[in-house]
Each structure stands twice: as C-alpha cells, then as structure tokens.
PDB file of N, CA and C in Angstrom:
ATOM      1  N   MET A   1     161.759 187.392 237.549  1.00  0.00           N
ATOM      2  CA  MET A   1     160.518 186.646 237.398  1.00  0.00           C
ATOM      3  C   MET A   1     160.555 185.880 236.082  1.00  0.00           C
ATOM      4  N   TYR A   2     160.029 184.693 236.094  1.00  0.00           N
ATOM      5  CA  TYR A   2     160.126 183.827 234.922  1.00  0.00           C
ATOM      6  C   TYR A   2     159.164 184.219 233.815  1.00  0.00           C
ATOM      7  N   LEU A   3     158.076 184.902 234.141  1.00  0.00           N
ATOM      8  CA  LEU A   3     157.064 185.228 233.142  1.00  0.00           C
ATOM      9  C   LEU A   3     156.776 186.722 233.189  1.00  0.00           C
ATOM     10  N   ASP A   4     157.478 187.477 232.370  1.00  0.00           N
ATOM     11  CA  ASP A   4     157.233 188.915 232.321  1.00  0.00           C
ATOM     12  C   ASP A   4     156.287 189.229 231.165  1.00  0.00           C
ATOM     13  N   SER A   5     155.910 190.490 231.056  1.00  0.00           N
ATOM     14  CA  SER A   5     154.918 190.868 230.048  1.00  0.00           C
ATOM     15  C   SER A   5     155.446 190.671 228.627  1.00  0.00           C
ATOM     16  N   ALA A   6     156.751 190.813 228.425  1.00  0.00           N
ATOM     17  CA  ALA A   6     157.314 190.610 227.093  1.00  0.00           C
ATOM     18  C   ALA A   6     157.167 189.144 226.657  1.00  0.00           C
ATOM     19  N   LYS A   7     157.366 188.222 227.592  1.00  0.00           N
ATOM     20  CA  LYS A   7     157.219 186.798 227.277  1.00  0.00           C
ATOM     21  C   LYS A   7     155.759 186.459 226.974  1.00  0.00           C
ATOM     22  N   LYS A   8     154.820 187.077 227.722  1.00  0.00           N
ATOM     23  CA  LYS A   8     153.400 186.852 227.458  1.00  0.00           C
ATOM     24  C   LYS A   8     153.020 187.344 226.065  1.00  0.00           C
ATOM     25  N   VAL A   9     153.507 188.521 225.709  1.00  0.00           N
ATOM     26  CA  VAL A   9     153.212 189.071 224.380  1.00  0.00           C
ATOM     27  C   VAL A   9     153.766 188.155 223.299  1.00  0.00           C
ATOM     28  N   GLU A  10     154.952 187.610 223.536  1.00  0.00           N
ATOM     29  CA  GLU A  10     155.559 186.681 222.575  1.00  0.00           C
ATOM     30  C   GLU A  10     154.704 185.429 222.408  1.00  0.00           C
ATOM     31  N   ILE A  11     154.212 184.881 223.510  1.00  0.00           N
ATOM     32  CA  ILE A  11     153.367 183.686 223.456  1.00  0.00           C
ATOM     33  C   ILE A  11     152.061 183.996 222.746  1.00  0.00           C
ATOM     34  N   PHE A  12     151.437 185.131 223.090  1.00  0.00           N
ATOM     35  CA  PHE A  12     150.157 185.485 222.473  1.00  0.00           C
ATOM     36  C   PHE A  12     150.319 185.785 220.990  1.00  0.00           C
ATOM     37  N   THR A  13     151.439 186.369 220.602  1.00  0.00           N
ATOM     38  CA  THR A  13     151.676 186.655 219.189  1.00  0.00           C
ATOM     39  C   THR A  13     151.858 185.369 218.396  1.00  0.00           C
ATOM     40  N   GLU A  14     152.585 184.415 218.988  1.00  0.00           N
ATOM     41  CA  GLU A  14     152.874 183.171 218.279  1.00  0.00           C
ATOM     42  C   GLU A  14     151.643 182.275 218.142  1.00  0.00           C
ATOM     43  N   TYR A  15     150.838 182.161 219.201  1.00  0.00           N
ATOM     44  CA  TYR A  15     149.736 181.202 219.192  1.00  0.00           C
ATOM     45  C   TYR A  15     148.358 181.836 219.035  1.00  0.00           C
ATOM     46  N   GLY A  16     148.227 183.126 219.317  1.00  0.00           N
ATOM     47  CA  GLY A  16     146.935 183.786 219.194  1.00  0.00           C
ATOM     48  C   GLY A  16     146.801 184.487 217.863  1.00  0.00           C
ATOM     49  N   GLN A  17     145.742 185.281 217.740  1.00  0.00           N
ATOM     50  CA  GLN A  17     145.517 186.042 216.520  1.00  0.00           C
ATOM     51  C   GLN A  17     146.445 187.253 216.446  1.00  0.00           C
ATOM     52  N   SER A  18     146.717 187.884 217.611  1.00  0.00           N
ATOM     53  CA  SER A  18     147.583 189.056 217.663  1.00  0.00           C
ATOM     54  C   SER A  18     148.250 189.098 219.029  1.00  0.00           C
ATOM     55  N   ALA A  19     149.008 190.154 219.273  1.00  0.00           N
ATOM     56  CA  ALA A  19     149.711 190.282 220.547  1.00  0.00           C
ATOM     57  C   ALA A  19     148.754 190.547 221.704  1.00  0.00           C
ATOM     58  N   THR A  20     147.577 191.092 221.400  1.00  0.00           N
ATOM     59  CA  THR A  20     146.610 191.393 222.454  1.00  0.00           C
ATOM     60  C   THR A  20     145.510 190.349 222.547  1.00  0.00           C
ATOM     61  N   ASP A  21     145.627 189.258 221.818  1.00  0.00           N
ATOM     62  CA  ASP A  21     144.628 188.199 221.825  1.00  0.00           C
ATOM     63  C   ASP A  21     144.884 187.274 223.006  1.00  0.00           C
ATOM     64  N   THR A  22     144.377 187.657 224.179  1.00  0.00           N
ATOM     65  CA  THR A  22     144.608 186.862 225.376  1.00  0.00           C
ATOM     66  C   THR A  22     143.472 185.902 225.668  1.00  0.00           C
ATOM     67  N   GLY A  23     142.374 185.989 224.924  1.00  0.00           N
ATOM     68  CA  GLY A  23     141.208 185.188 225.236  1.00  0.00           C
ATOM     69  C   GLY A  23     141.023 183.947 224.406  1.00  0.00           C
ATOM     70  N   SER A  24     141.770 183.817 223.319  1.00  0.00           N
ATOM     71  CA  SER A  24     141.570 182.632 222.483  1.00  0.00           C
ATOM     72  C   SER A  24     142.086 181.386 223.204  1.00  0.00           C
ATOM     73  N   VAL A  25     141.488 180.279 222.876  1.00  0.00           N
ATOM     74  CA  VAL A  25     141.842 179.019 223.528  1.00  0.00           C
ATOM     75  C   VAL A  25     143.305 178.670 223.260  1.00  0.00           C
ATOM     76  N   GLU A  26     143.762 178.900 222.032  1.00  0.00           N
ATOM     77  CA  GLU A  26     145.141 178.566 221.683  1.00  0.00           C
ATOM     78  C   GLU A  26     146.146 179.346 222.533  1.00  0.00           C
ATOM     79  N   SER A  27     145.911 180.633 222.715  1.00  0.00           N
ATOM     80  CA  SER A  27     146.856 181.438 223.485  1.00  0.00           C
ATOM     81  C   SER A  27     146.813 181.065 224.961  1.00  0.00           C
ATOM     82  N   GLN A  28     145.635 180.749 225.481  1.00  0.00           N
ATOM     83  CA  GLN A  28     145.542 180.347 226.882  1.00  0.00           C
ATOM     84  C   GLN A  28     146.242 179.016 227.130  1.00  0.00           C
ATOM     85  N   VAL A  29     146.042 178.063 226.226  1.00  0.00           N
ATOM     86  CA  VAL A  29     146.689 176.754 226.374  1.00  0.00           C
ATOM     87  C   VAL A  29     148.209 176.902 226.266  1.00  0.00           C
ATOM     88  N   ALA A  30     148.668 177.752 225.365  1.00  0.00           N
ATOM     89  CA  ALA A  30     150.113 177.970 225.225  1.00  0.00           C
ATOM     90  C   ALA A  30     150.700 178.595 226.489  1.00  0.00           C
ATOM     91  N   LEU A  31     149.979 179.530 227.085  1.00  0.00           N
ATOM     92  CA  LEU A  31     150.454 180.153 228.320  1.00  0.00           C
ATOM     93  C   LEU A  31     150.471 179.140 229.461  1.00  0.00           C
ATOM     94  N   PHE A  32     149.411 178.335 229.577  1.00  0.00           N
ATOM     95  CA  PHE A  32     149.385 177.284 230.598  1.00  0.00           C
ATOM     96  C   PHE A  32     150.537 176.305 230.395  1.00  0.00           C
ATOM     97  N   THR A  33     150.820 175.950 229.160  1.00  0.00           N
ATOM     98  CA  THR A  33     151.902 175.008 228.878  1.00  0.00           C
ATOM     99  C   THR A  33     153.247 175.570 229.319  1.00  0.00           C
ATOM    100  N   TYR A  34     153.483 176.844 229.032  1.00  0.00           N
ATOM    101  CA  TYR A  34     154.734 177.478 229.452  1.00  0.00           C
ATOM    102  C   TYR A  34     154.852 177.486 230.970  1.00  0.00           C
ATOM    103  N   ARG A  35     153.765 177.831 231.657  1.00  0.00           N
ATOM    104  CA  ARG A  35     153.786 177.875 233.120  1.00  0.00           C
ATOM    105  C   ARG A  35     153.943 176.482 233.711  1.00  0.00           C
ATOM    106  N   ILE A  36     153.306 175.477 233.102  1.00  0.00           N
ATOM    107  CA  ILE A  36     153.414 174.098 233.582  1.00  0.00           C
ATOM    108  C   ILE A  36     154.850 173.596 233.451  1.00  0.00           C
ATOM    109  N   GLN A  37     155.489 173.908 232.339  1.00  0.00           N
ATOM    110  CA  GLN A  37     156.881 173.493 232.157  1.00  0.00           C
ATOM    111  C   GLN A  37     157.787 174.132 233.203  1.00  0.00           C
ATOM    112  N   HIS A  38     157.545 175.391 233.502  1.00  0.00           N
ATOM    113  CA  HIS A  38     158.355 176.076 234.512  1.00  0.00           C
ATOM    114  C   HIS A  38     158.150 175.455 235.895  1.00  0.00           C
ATOM    115  N   LEU A  39     156.895 175.204 236.263  1.00  0.00           N
ATOM    116  CA  LEU A  39     156.626 174.626 237.582  1.00  0.00           C
ATOM    117  C   LEU A  39     157.140 173.193 237.682  1.00  0.00           C
ATOM    118  N   THR A  40     157.124 172.455 236.598  1.00  0.00           N
ATOM    119  CA  THR A  40     157.659 171.100 236.613  1.00  0.00           C
ATOM    120  C   THR A  40     159.147 171.109 236.917  1.00  0.00           C
ATOM    121  N   GLU A  41     159.872 172.032 236.285  1.00  0.00           N
ATOM    122  CA  GLU A  41     161.308 172.151 236.573  1.00  0.00           C
ATOM    123  C   GLU A  41     161.540 172.562 238.027  1.00  0.00           C
ATOM    124  N   HIS A  42     160.706 173.456 238.546  1.00  0.00           N
ATOM    125  CA  HIS A  42     160.822 173.886 239.936  1.00  0.00           C
ATOM    126  C   HIS A  42     160.606 172.704 240.884  1.00  0.00           C
ATOM    127  N   LEU A  43     159.615 171.868 240.589  1.00  0.00           N
ATOM    128  CA  LEU A  43     159.320 170.749 241.476  1.00  0.00           C
ATOM    129  C   LEU A  43     160.357 169.637 241.392  1.00  0.00           C
ATOM    130  N   LYS A  44     161.091 169.567 240.293  1.00  0.00           N
ATOM    131  CA  LYS A  44     162.177 168.596 240.237  1.00  0.00           C
ATOM    132  C   LYS A  44     163.269 168.935 241.237  1.00  0.00           C
ATOM    133  N   LYS A  45     163.466 170.225 241.481  1.00  0.00           N
ATOM    134  CA  LYS A  45     164.480 170.674 242.437  1.00  0.00           C
ATOM    135  C   LYS A  45     163.934 170.721 243.864  1.00  0.00           C
ATOM    136  N   ASN A  46     162.650 171.038 244.015  1.00  0.00           N
ATOM    137  CA  ASN A  46     162.040 171.230 245.334  1.00  0.00           C
ATOM    138  C   ASN A  46     160.883 170.254 245.503  1.00  0.00           C
ATOM    139  N   LYS A  47     161.209 169.041 245.865  1.00  0.00           N
ATOM    140  CA  LYS A  47     160.218 167.975 245.904  1.00  0.00           C
ATOM    141  C   LYS A  47     159.164 168.165 246.995  1.00  0.00           C
ATOM    142  N   LYS A  48     159.473 168.902 248.046  1.00  0.00           N
ATOM    143  CA  LYS A  48     158.530 169.051 249.157  1.00  0.00           C
ATOM    144  C   LYS A  48     157.699 170.329 249.088  1.00  0.00           C
ATOM    145  N   ASP A  49     157.709 170.997 247.959  1.00  0.00           N
ATOM    146  CA  ASP A  49     156.919 172.213 247.778  1.00  0.00           C
ATOM    147  C   ASP A  49     155.498 171.813 247.386  1.00  0.00           C
ATOM    148  N   PHE A  50     154.688 171.515 248.378  1.00  0.00           N
ATOM    149  CA  PHE A  50     153.372 170.952 248.130  1.00  0.00           C
ATOM    150  C   PHE A  50     152.386 171.996 247.606  1.00  0.00           C
ATOM    151  N   GLY A  51     152.562 173.251 247.951  1.00  0.00           N
ATOM    152  CA  GLY A  51     151.701 174.304 247.422  1.00  0.00           C
ATOM    153  C   GLY A  51     151.850 174.454 245.926  1.00  0.00           C
ATOM    154  N   THR A  52     153.083 174.409 245.473  1.00  0.00           N
ATOM    155  CA  THR A  52     153.335 174.489 244.043  1.00  0.00           C
ATOM    156  C   THR A  52     152.831 173.239 243.335  1.00  0.00           C
ATOM    157  N   ALA A  53     152.964 172.094 243.983  1.00  0.00           N
ATOM    158  CA  ALA A  53     152.468 170.850 243.381  1.00  0.00           C
ATOM    159  C   ALA A  53     150.963 170.908 243.195  1.00  0.00           C
ATOM    160  N   ARG A  54     150.269 171.468 244.159  1.00  0.00           N
ATOM    161  CA  ARG A  54     148.816 171.589 244.048  1.00  0.00           C
ATOM    162  C   ARG A  54     148.430 172.561 242.937  1.00  0.00           C
ATOM    163  N   SER A  55     149.124 173.683 242.860  1.00  0.00           N
ATOM    164  CA  SER A  55     148.807 174.643 241.803  1.00  0.00           C
ATOM    165  C   SER A  55     149.132 174.072 240.424  1.00  0.00           C
ATOM    166  N   LEU A  56     150.166 173.261 240.340  1.00  0.00           N
ATOM    167  CA  LEU A  56     150.499 172.605 239.073  1.00  0.00           C
ATOM    168  C   LEU A  56     149.386 171.650 238.658  1.00  0.00           C
ATOM    169  N   THR A  57     148.865 170.886 239.606  1.00  0.00           N
ATOM    170  CA  THR A  57     147.779 169.960 239.314  1.00  0.00           C
ATOM    171  C   THR A  57     146.537 170.702 238.836  1.00  0.00           C
ATOM    172  N   LYS A  58     146.215 171.824 239.485  1.00  0.00           N
ATOM    173  CA  LYS A  58     145.056 172.615 239.074  1.00  0.00           C
ATOM    174  C   LYS A  58     145.255 173.209 237.683  1.00  0.00           C
ATOM    175  N   MET A  59     146.482 173.641 237.389  1.00  0.00           N
ATOM    176  CA  MET A  59     146.775 174.235 236.092  1.00  0.00           C
ATOM    177  C   MET A  59     146.666 173.197 234.973  1.00  0.00           C
ATOM    178  N   VAL A  60     147.133 171.991 235.238  1.00  0.00           N
ATOM    179  CA  VAL A  60     147.020 170.915 234.255  1.00  0.00           C
ATOM    180  C   VAL A  60     145.554 170.607 233.988  1.00  0.00           C
ATOM    181  N   GLY A  61     144.724 170.629 235.017  1.00  0.00           N
ATOM    182  CA  GLY A  61     143.300 170.397 234.854  1.00  0.00           C
ATOM    183  C   GLY A  61     142.635 171.482 234.019  1.00  0.00           C
ATOM    184  N   ARG A  62     143.014 172.740 234.255  1.00  0.00           N
ATOM    185  CA  ARG A  62     142.454 173.840 233.462  1.00  0.00           C
ATOM    186  C   ARG A  62     142.836 173.711 231.995  1.00  0.00           C
ATOM    187  N   ARG A  63     144.110 173.356 231.762  1.00  0.00           N
ATOM    188  CA  ARG A  63     144.562 173.186 230.378  1.00  0.00           C
ATOM    189  C   ARG A  63     143.821 172.036 229.713  1.00  0.00           C
ATOM    190  N   ARG A  64     143.601 170.950 230.447  1.00  0.00           N
ATOM    191  CA  ARG A  64     142.889 169.801 229.900  1.00  0.00           C
ATOM    192  C   ARG A  64     141.458 170.171 229.520  1.00  0.00           C
ATOM    193  N   LYS A  65     140.787 170.988 230.357  1.00  0.00           N
ATOM    194  CA  LYS A  65     139.426 171.421 230.046  1.00  0.00           C
ATOM    195  C   LYS A  65     139.396 172.288 228.791  1.00  0.00           C
ATOM    196  N   LEU A  66     140.367 173.186 228.653  1.00  0.00           N
ATOM    197  CA  LEU A  66     140.418 174.019 227.452  1.00  0.00           C
ATOM    198  C   LEU A  66     140.673 173.177 226.210  1.00  0.00           C
ATOM    199  N   LEU A  67     141.564 172.200 226.324  1.00  0.00           N
ATOM    200  CA  LEU A  67     141.844 171.332 225.187  1.00  0.00           C
ATOM    201  C   LEU A  67     140.622 170.484 224.823  1.00  0.00           C
ATOM    202  N   LYS A  68     139.876 170.040 225.826  1.00  0.00           N
ATOM    203  CA  LYS A  68     138.663 169.272 225.558  1.00  0.00           C
ATOM    204  C   LYS A  68     137.632 170.139 224.839  1.00  0.00           C
ATOM    205  N   TYR A  69     137.508 171.398 225.265  1.00  0.00           N
ATOM    206  CA  TYR A  69     136.594 172.330 224.601  1.00  0.00           C
ATOM    207  C   TYR A  69     136.991 172.519 223.139  1.00  0.00           C
ATOM    208  N   LEU A  70     138.290 172.726 222.907  1.00  0.00           N
ATOM    209  CA  LEU A  70     138.762 172.936 221.546  1.00  0.00           C
ATOM    210  C   LEU A  70     138.580 171.686 220.697  1.00  0.00           C
ATOM    211  N   TYR A  71     138.782 170.526 221.292  1.00  0.00           N
ATOM    212  CA  TYR A  71     138.585 169.250 220.583  1.00  0.00           C
ATOM    213  C   TYR A  71     137.142 169.115 220.115  1.00  0.00           C
ATOM    214  N   ASN A  72     136.208 169.464 220.996  1.00  0.00           N
ATOM    215  CA  ASN A  72     134.790 169.341 220.650  1.00  0.00           C
ATOM    216  C   ASN A  72     134.345 170.421 219.671  1.00  0.00           C
ATOM    217  N   LYS A  73     134.961 171.585 219.713  1.00  0.00           N
ATOM    218  CA  LYS A  73     134.541 172.695 218.871  1.00  0.00           C
ATOM    219  C   LYS A  73     135.145 172.618 217.468  1.00  0.00           C
ATOM    220  N   ASP A  74     136.477 172.383 217.390  1.00  0.00           N
ATOM    221  CA  ASP A  74     137.146 172.361 216.086  1.00  0.00           C
ATOM    222  C   ASP A  74     138.359 171.435 216.167  1.00  0.00           C
ATOM    223  N   ILE A  75     138.220 170.239 215.634  1.00  0.00           N
ATOM    224  CA  ILE A  75     139.267 169.217 215.744  1.00  0.00           C
ATOM    225  C   ILE A  75     140.539 169.612 215.008  1.00  0.00           C
ATOM    226  N   ASN A  76     140.428 170.360 213.911  1.00  0.00           N
ATOM    227  CA  ASN A  76     141.622 170.750 213.158  1.00  0.00           C
ATOM    228  C   ASN A  76     142.474 171.754 213.929  1.00  0.00           C
ATOM    229  N   ARG A  77     141.826 172.720 214.588  1.00  0.00           N
ATOM    230  CA  ARG A  77     142.575 173.665 215.424  1.00  0.00           C
ATOM    231  C   ARG A  77     143.229 172.940 216.592  1.00  0.00           C
ATOM    232  N   TYR A  78     142.521 171.954 217.166  1.00  0.00           N
ATOM    233  CA  TYR A  78     143.054 171.155 218.261  1.00  0.00           C
ATOM    234  C   TYR A  78     144.318 170.419 217.829  1.00  0.00           C
ATOM    235  N   ARG A  79     144.241 169.753 216.687  1.00  0.00           N
ATOM    236  CA  ARG A  79     145.398 168.991 216.210  1.00  0.00           C
ATOM    237  C   ARG A  79     146.585 169.897 215.886  1.00  0.00           C
ATOM    238  N   ALA A  80     146.309 171.068 215.313  1.00  0.00           N
ATOM    239  CA  ALA A  80     147.391 172.013 215.006  1.00  0.00           C
ATOM    240  C   ALA A  80     148.053 172.511 216.284  1.00  0.00           C
ATOM    241  N   LEU A  81     147.248 172.786 217.312  1.00  0.00           N
ATOM    242  CA  LEU A  81     147.798 173.280 218.574  1.00  0.00           C
ATOM    243  C   LEU A  81     148.620 172.212 219.277  1.00  0.00           C
ATOM    244  N   ILE A  82     148.124 170.984 219.302  1.00  0.00           N
ATOM    245  CA  ILE A  82     148.855 169.887 219.928  1.00  0.00           C
ATOM    246  C   ILE A  82     150.200 169.686 219.244  1.00  0.00           C
ATOM    247  N   LYS A  83     150.190 169.762 217.927  1.00  0.00           N
ATOM    248  CA  LYS A  83     151.439 169.589 217.171  1.00  0.00           C
ATOM    249  C   LYS A  83     152.401 170.741 217.436  1.00  0.00           C
ATOM    250  N   ALA A  84     151.891 171.970 217.474  1.00  0.00           N
ATOM    251  CA  ALA A  84     152.742 173.136 217.681  1.00  0.00           C
ATOM    252  C   ALA A  84     153.373 173.143 219.073  1.00  0.00           C
ATOM    253  N   LEU A  85     152.607 172.723 220.078  1.00  0.00           N
ATOM    254  CA  LEU A  85     153.120 172.723 221.451  1.00  0.00           C
ATOM    255  C   LEU A  85     153.871 171.442 221.794  1.00  0.00           C
ATOM    256  N   GLY A  86     153.670 170.402 221.001  1.00  0.00           N
ATOM    257  CA  GLY A  86     154.357 169.133 221.269  1.00  0.00           C
ATOM    258  C   GLY A  86     153.845 168.446 222.523  1.00  0.00           C
ATOM    259  N   LEU A  87     152.529 168.468 222.725  1.00  0.00           N
ATOM    260  CA  LEU A  87     151.972 167.898 223.947  1.00  0.00           C
ATOM    261  C   LEU A  87     151.833 166.380 223.887  1.00  0.00           C
ATOM    262  N   ARG A  88     151.471 165.848 222.758  1.00  0.00           N
ATOM    263  CA  ARG A  88     151.295 164.400 222.629  1.00  0.00           C
ATOM    264  C   ARG A  88     152.518 163.810 221.936  1.00  0.00           C
ATOM    265  N   LYS A  89     152.831 162.574 222.327  1.00  0.00           N
ATOM    266  CA  LYS A  89     154.014 161.962 221.726  1.00  0.00           C
ATOM    267  C   LYS A  89     153.637 160.794 220.871  1.00  0.00           C
TER     268      LYS A  89
END
C-alpha cells in the first residue's frame, strides 16, 4: 500500500504540530497533496480509470477549500505551507 501509518506519521510530524496532530489544516493539506501526487502518477499509467479520476477531482477540491480557509484565516501560515509543499510556481 502506498500510504501506511508510518508515512502518515511522517507527514503529520513534518507539517503539523506533532505526530498525532491530524486535525490541523497544514497536516491535512500535506496529506491531500501526497495522495494527489500518487493518484496523478496512477492516472498517467491508467488513463481509463474514471473512478480514480473522479476521486482525484474531489480531493483537489477539498484541498482547495482547506487552502482557501487558511488563506482567509492566516495569510502567513498559508504562504509558508504553499512554499513548503511547492504548490505554486
């Protein structure tokens, strides 16, 4: 499996407050980003996997909503997260 509990703990430790901080916006966006990157690679190989394409679209929308919330709440945290994840070019 591409996303085991050890990888989740690593993501939450790096972007959240602690290893058990699963609720902060930063840790959720980082987890969505990791999953989106994985599904994007999957869809490059399997172009007709429409179920995965739909779930990818929904996941991107969820991440966008979280980023919009963070932008409105604290612009400095938003900018730091965007820079750390490399989302904007």
